[in-house]
Amino acid sequence: MIHPAAIIEDGAEIAEGVIVEPYAVIKKHVRLKKGVVIHAHAYIDGHTTIGENTVIYPSAAIGLKTQARKFAGETTYVTIGKNCEIREFVTINASYDEGSTVSIGDNCLIMAYCHIAHHCKLGNHITMANSAMLAGHVTIEDYAIIGGMTPVHQFSRIGCYSMVGGFSRASHDIPPYTLGSGIPYRLGGLNIIGLKRNNFSVESRRALTKAFLLTYRRGLTLPEAIKRIEEEVPADPHVAHWLDFCKTTKRGIIGLEGVTRMRPEDLEEDRELLEV
């Protein structure tokens, strides 16, 4: 299943059922697992492992030298999980720091022209729309969606089940389960449709709504909000993750650079949010 016009260096590990189309380049340290498809003109370099049934589309460039100036010839790694689609002209760079890894989980869709930089960690079932860009050391949790043309600042985190609108700028940590967009970024509330589609219980959605309101709509500092959530919101694993995400932030939680005060129109919105 390897076209004679493909270029595959000695040492590359090609499993059963792999398809490599013409003019694709596979360098010597690359490992392609069962069922991988490499379309024409893709370029796979470095210590890169691509999981079962993942498809790499034309002109994607994966595992090439990091664009960070700190690189000093270290051996680094790129891992891509199972059943992913890496679309046209996507760039996924290697890292610096000996033994470091850029990792992408299973069932991810990375659309055309996206960029994933050094030290990035992506979970499972992530969608990045066209031309979304991750700077170095970014973490994206499971089931997050990032809209097109959106840059994510280095060291930032995007929480699980969140939806980041296109043409936004993610300059700080975006909490899990939320929906937002814009420059500057504004949170609209919880990603209720996404939570329903992923079978979150009514009890979990209500508890997350209370956690969101305490964090963003009561004029509290983050430590104050965390304390009140722990005291007032029913125990729930998703609320526990919200608290852990907020407690472990290094960049700061987006939207809390200046604390939002209650406005009259927020009261009606609160009532709507609680009807989850």
Protein backbone atom coordinates (compact mmCIF):
# COMPACT_ATOMS: atom_id res chain seq x y z
CA MET A 1 0.00 0.00 0.00
CA ILE A 2 3.02 2.28 -0.36
CA HIS A 3 3.22 4.19 -3.63
CA PRO A 4 6.59 3.85 -5.38
CA ALA A 5 6.86 7.65 -5.57
CA ALA A 6 6.70 7.96 -1.77
CA ILE A 7 10.03 8.59 -0.01
CA ILE A 8 10.53 6.44 3.08
CA GLU A 9 13.90 6.41 4.84
CA ASP A 10 15.44 3.23 6.18
CA GLY A 11 14.53 2.80 9.83
CA ALA A 12 10.93 4.02 9.61
CA GLU A 13 8.48 1.52 11.14
CA ILE A 14 5.45 0.91 8.92
CA ALA A 15 2.73 -1.37 10.31
CA GLU A 16 0.26 -3.56 8.47
CA GLY A 17 -2.36 -1.81 6.36
CA VAL A 18 -0.63 1.57 6.20
CA ILE A 19 -1.24 3.61 3.04
CA VAL A 20 1.37 6.12 1.88
CA GLU A 21 0.50 8.13 -1.21
CA PRO A 22 2.93 9.58 -3.78
CA TYR A 23 5.45 12.24 -2.81
CA ALA A 24 4.86 11.82 0.90
CA VAL A 25 8.09 11.86 2.93
CA ILE A 26 8.54 9.58 5.96
CA LYS A 27 11.82 10.05 7.85
CA LYS A 28 13.80 7.34 9.60
CA HIS A 29 12.54 7.67 13.20
CA VAL A 30 8.83 7.75 12.31
CA ARG A 31 6.45 4.99 13.47
CA LEU A 32 3.14 4.49 11.66
CA LYS A 33 0.67 2.18 13.38
CA LYS A 34 -1.88 -0.12 11.72
CA GLY A 35 -4.30 1.50 9.28
CA VAL A 36 -2.63 4.93 9.12
CA VAL A 37 -3.13 6.85 5.87
CA ILE A 38 -0.54 9.40 4.73
CA HIS A 39 -1.81 11.43 1.80
CA ALA A 40 0.34 12.91 -0.95
CA HIS A 41 2.99 15.51 -0.10
CA ALA A 42 2.70 15.10 3.68
CA TYR A 43 6.07 15.38 5.48
CA ILE A 44 6.58 13.33 8.68
CA ASP A 45 9.88 13.86 10.51
CA GLY A 46 11.48 13.39 13.92
CA HIS A 47 10.64 10.79 16.56
CA THR A 48 6.98 10.81 15.60
CA THR A 49 4.45 8.06 16.34
CA ILE A 50 1.05 8.10 14.64
CA GLY A 51 -1.70 5.91 16.08
CA GLU A 52 -4.00 3.41 14.43
CA ASN A 53 -6.35 4.58 11.67
CA THR A 54 -5.25 8.22 11.85
CA VAL A 55 -5.31 10.05 8.53
CA ILE A 56 -2.75 12.71 7.60
CA TYR A 57 -3.92 14.92 4.73
CA PRO A 58 -1.86 16.49 1.92
CA SER A 59 0.92 18.92 2.80
CA ALA A 60 0.70 18.47 6.56
CA ALA A 61 4.11 18.84 8.27
CA ILE A 62 4.58 16.85 11.47
CA GLY A 63 7.54 16.40 13.79
CA LEU A 64 9.82 18.99 12.27
CA LYS A 65 12.22 21.05 14.37
CA THR A 66 10.58 23.35 16.88
CA GLN A 67 10.43 27.04 16.09
CA ALA A 68 11.63 27.87 19.60
CA ARG A 69 15.07 29.51 19.72
CA LYS A 70 15.98 27.41 22.77
CA PHE A 71 16.35 24.22 20.73
CA ALA A 72 19.87 22.80 21.05
CA GLY A 73 19.61 19.49 19.23
CA GLU A 74 17.75 17.52 21.92
CA THR A 75 15.83 14.33 21.12
CA THR A 76 12.13 15.10 21.45
CA TYR A 77 8.92 13.32 20.48
CA VAL A 78 5.55 13.79 18.82
CA THR A 79 2.72 11.34 19.49
CA ILE A 80 -0.66 11.34 17.74
CA GLY A 81 -3.37 8.97 18.92
CA LYS A 82 -5.89 6.75 17.18
CA ASN A 83 -8.61 7.76 14.72
CA CYS A 84 -7.47 11.36 14.29
CA GLU A 85 -7.79 13.51 11.20
CA ILE A 86 -4.92 15.94 10.58
CA ARG A 87 -6.03 18.09 7.69
CA GLU A 88 -4.23 19.97 4.94
CA PHE A 89 -1.23 22.17 5.78
CA VAL A 90 -1.40 21.51 9.52
CA THR A 91 1.94 22.02 11.29
CA ILE A 92 2.75 20.06 14.45
CA ASN A 93 6.25 20.91 15.68
CA ALA A 94 8.62 18.92 17.87
CA SER A 95 9.81 20.43 21.18
CA TYR A 96 13.01 21.39 22.91
CA ASP A 97 14.18 19.89 26.26
CA GLU A 98 15.55 16.35 26.12
CA GLY A 99 12.80 13.73 26.05
CA SER A 100 9.90 16.19 25.92
CA THR A 101 6.77 15.32 23.94
CA VAL A 102 4.06 17.05 21.95
CA SER A 103 1.03 14.80 22.36
CA ILE A 104 -2.37 14.60 20.71
CA GLY A 105 -4.95 12.13 21.99
CA ASP A 106 -7.48 9.94 20.21
CA ASN A 107 -10.35 10.97 17.92
CA CYS A 108 -9.14 14.53 17.36
CA LEU A 109 -9.98 16.64 14.32
CA ILE A 110 -7.31 19.23 13.50
CA MET A 111 -8.58 21.24 10.54
CA ALA A 112 -6.59 22.85 7.75
CA TYR A 113 -3.77 25.31 8.50
CA CYS A 114 -3.82 24.79 12.28
CA HIS A 115 -0.54 25.08 14.19
CA ILE A 116 0.50 23.14 17.30
CA ALA A 117 3.77 24.28 18.86
CA HIS A 118 6.33 22.78 21.24
CA HIS A 119 5.32 21.15 24.56
CA CYS A 120 1.59 21.20 23.73
CA LYS A 121 -0.65 18.54 25.27
CA LEU A 122 -4.01 17.77 23.67
CA GLY A 123 -6.52 15.31 25.09
CA ASN A 124 -9.14 13.21 23.30
CA HIS A 125 -12.03 14.23 21.03
CA ILE A 126 -10.68 17.74 20.46
CA THR A 127 -11.71 19.86 17.50
CA MET A 128 -9.55 22.73 16.23
CA ALA A 129 -11.18 24.65 13.37
CA ASN A 130 -9.22 26.09 10.46
CA SER A 131 -6.17 28.20 11.32
CA ALA A 132 -6.50 27.91 15.09
CA MET A 133 -3.02 28.30 16.59
CA LEU A 134 -1.48 26.99 19.79
CA ALA A 135 1.67 28.61 21.16
CA GLY A 136 4.12 26.61 23.24
CA HIS A 137 3.18 24.77 26.45
CA VAL A 138 -0.58 24.94 25.80
CA THR A 139 -2.85 22.26 27.32
CA ILE A 140 -6.22 21.39 25.76
CA GLU A 141 -8.50 19.08 27.75
CA ASP A 142 -10.89 16.45 26.36
CA TYR A 143 -13.82 17.44 24.11
CA ALA A 144 -12.77 21.08 23.82
CA ILE A 145 -13.60 22.95 20.60
CA ILE A 146 -11.50 25.88 19.37
CA GLY A 147 -12.95 28.07 16.62
CA GLY A 148 -11.09 29.10 13.50
CA MET A 149 -8.44 31.84 13.43
CA THR A 150 -8.11 31.78 17.23
CA PRO A 151 -4.64 32.02 18.82
CA VAL A 152 -4.02 30.51 22.26
CA HIS A 153 -1.31 32.17 24.36
CA GLN A 154 1.64 30.13 25.59
CA PHE A 155 1.16 28.25 28.88
CA SER A 156 -2.62 28.70 28.67
CA ARG A 157 -5.13 25.91 29.25
CA ILE A 158 -8.48 25.25 27.58
CA GLY A 159 -10.76 23.24 29.85
CA CYS A 160 -12.73 20.14 28.90
CA TYR A 161 -16.07 20.48 27.08
CA SER A 162 -15.47 24.19 26.52
CA MET A 163 -16.25 25.90 23.23
CA VAL A 164 -14.05 28.81 22.15
CA GLY A 165 -15.54 30.92 19.38
CA GLY A 166 -13.72 31.74 16.17
CA PHE A 167 -11.69 34.94 15.74
CA SER A 168 -11.15 35.07 19.52
CA ARG A 169 -7.95 35.46 21.56
CA ALA A 170 -7.34 33.06 24.43
CA SER A 171 -4.82 34.91 26.58
CA HIS A 172 -5.50 33.12 29.89
CA ASP A 173 -6.92 29.81 31.12
CA ILE A 174 -10.47 29.16 29.88
CA PRO A 175 -12.47 27.16 32.44
CA PRO A 176 -13.98 23.80 31.52
CA TYR A 177 -17.61 23.47 30.41
CA THR A 178 -17.86 27.11 29.26
CA LEU A 179 -18.83 28.95 26.09
CA GLY A 180 -17.24 32.22 25.01
CA SER A 181 -15.59 34.29 22.31
CA GLY A 182 -14.24 37.69 21.37
CA ILE A 183 -11.32 40.09 21.73
CA PRO A 184 -11.22 40.66 24.64
CA TYR A 185 -12.63 37.25 25.48
CA ARG A 186 -16.05 37.20 27.12
CA LEU A 187 -17.70 34.15 28.63
CA GLY A 188 -21.36 33.71 27.76
CA GLY A 189 -22.01 30.97 30.31
CA LEU A 190 -21.85 27.21 30.29
CA ASN A 191 -21.71 25.18 27.08
CA ILE A 192 -25.16 23.80 27.88
CA ILE A 193 -25.80 22.25 24.47
CA GLY A 194 -22.43 20.50 24.57
CA LEU A 195 -23.11 19.20 28.09
CA LYS A 196 -26.53 17.86 27.07
CA ARG A 197 -25.07 16.18 23.98
CA ASN A 198 -22.53 14.46 26.20
CA ASN A 199 -25.20 13.24 28.64
CA PHE A 200 -24.38 15.41 31.64
CA SER A 201 -27.11 14.95 34.23
CA VAL A 202 -29.45 17.79 35.20
CA GLU A 203 -27.92 17.72 38.68
CA SER A 204 -24.41 18.20 37.28
CA ARG A 205 -25.53 21.01 34.97
CA ARG A 206 -27.23 22.83 37.83
CA ALA A 207 -24.20 22.43 40.08
CA LEU A 208 -21.87 23.72 37.35
CA THR A 209 -24.19 26.67 36.75
CA LYS A 210 -23.97 27.65 40.41
CA ALA A 211 -20.18 27.32 40.29
CA PHE A 212 -20.07 29.51 37.17
CA LEU A 213 -22.30 32.19 38.72
CA LEU A 214 -20.25 32.33 41.91
CA THR A 215 -17.04 32.62 39.90
CA TYR A 216 -18.17 35.21 37.38
CA ARG A 217 -21.36 36.99 38.47
CA ARG A 218 -21.07 37.78 42.14
CA GLY A 219 -18.15 40.22 42.16
CA LEU A 220 -15.93 37.82 44.10
CA THR A 221 -12.22 37.33 43.86
CA LEU A 222 -11.18 33.88 42.70
CA PRO A 223 -10.21 32.68 46.21
CA GLU A 224 -13.55 33.95 47.53
CA ALA A 225 -15.45 32.19 44.74
CA ILE A 226 -13.59 28.93 45.35
CA LYS A 227 -14.42 29.06 49.06
CA ARG A 228 -18.13 29.69 48.44
CA ILE A 229 -18.34 26.95 45.79
CA GLU A 230 -16.84 24.49 48.25
CA GLU A 231 -19.35 25.58 50.90
CA GLU A 232 -22.51 26.05 48.84
CA VAL A 233 -22.47 23.85 45.73
CA PRO A 234 -23.44 20.18 46.02
CA ALA A 235 -20.63 17.67 45.64
CA ASP A 236 -20.18 16.70 42.00
CA PRO A 237 -17.15 15.34 40.06
CA HIS A 238 -17.46 18.05 37.41
CA VAL A 239 -17.60 20.80 40.01
CA ALA A 240 -14.54 19.19 41.61
CA HIS A 241 -12.77 19.51 38.26
CA TRP A 242 -13.87 23.17 37.99
CA LEU A 243 -12.36 23.84 41.41
CA ASP A 244 -9.13 22.01 40.63
CA PHE A 245 -8.79 23.90 37.33
CA CYS A 246 -9.23 27.24 39.10
CA LYS A 247 -6.91 26.36 41.96
CA THR A 248 -4.07 25.25 39.69
CA THR A 249 -4.11 28.16 37.24
CA LYS A 250 -0.78 29.80 36.47
CA ARG A 251 -1.82 32.16 33.68
CA GLY A 252 -4.95 33.26 35.54
CA ILE A 253 -8.59 32.51 34.75
CA ILE A 254 -9.89 34.41 31.74
CA GLY A 255 -12.43 37.13 32.49
CA LEU A 256 -11.25 37.59 36.07
CA GLU A 257 -8.49 40.07 35.31
CA GLY A 258 -11.06 42.61 36.50
CA VAL A 259 -13.86 41.17 38.63
CA THR A 260 -17.30 41.33 36.98
CA ARG A 261 -19.92 43.04 39.14
CA MET A 262 -23.59 42.19 39.12
CA ARG A 263 -25.71 44.13 36.62
CA PRO A 264 -29.52 44.19 36.52
CA GLU A 265 -29.54 42.25 33.25
CA ASP A 266 -27.46 39.50 34.87
CA LEU A 267 -30.32 38.60 37.19
CA GLU A 268 -32.55 37.51 34.31
CA GLU A 269 -29.65 35.70 32.66
CA ASP A 270 -29.02 33.86 35.92
CA ARG A 271 -32.60 32.59 35.90
CA GLU A 272 -32.18 31.36 32.35
CA LEU A 273 -28.89 29.63 33.14
CA LEU A 274 -30.47 27.77 36.03
CA GLU A 275 -33.06 26.30 33.64
CA VAL A 276 -30.60 23.69 32.47
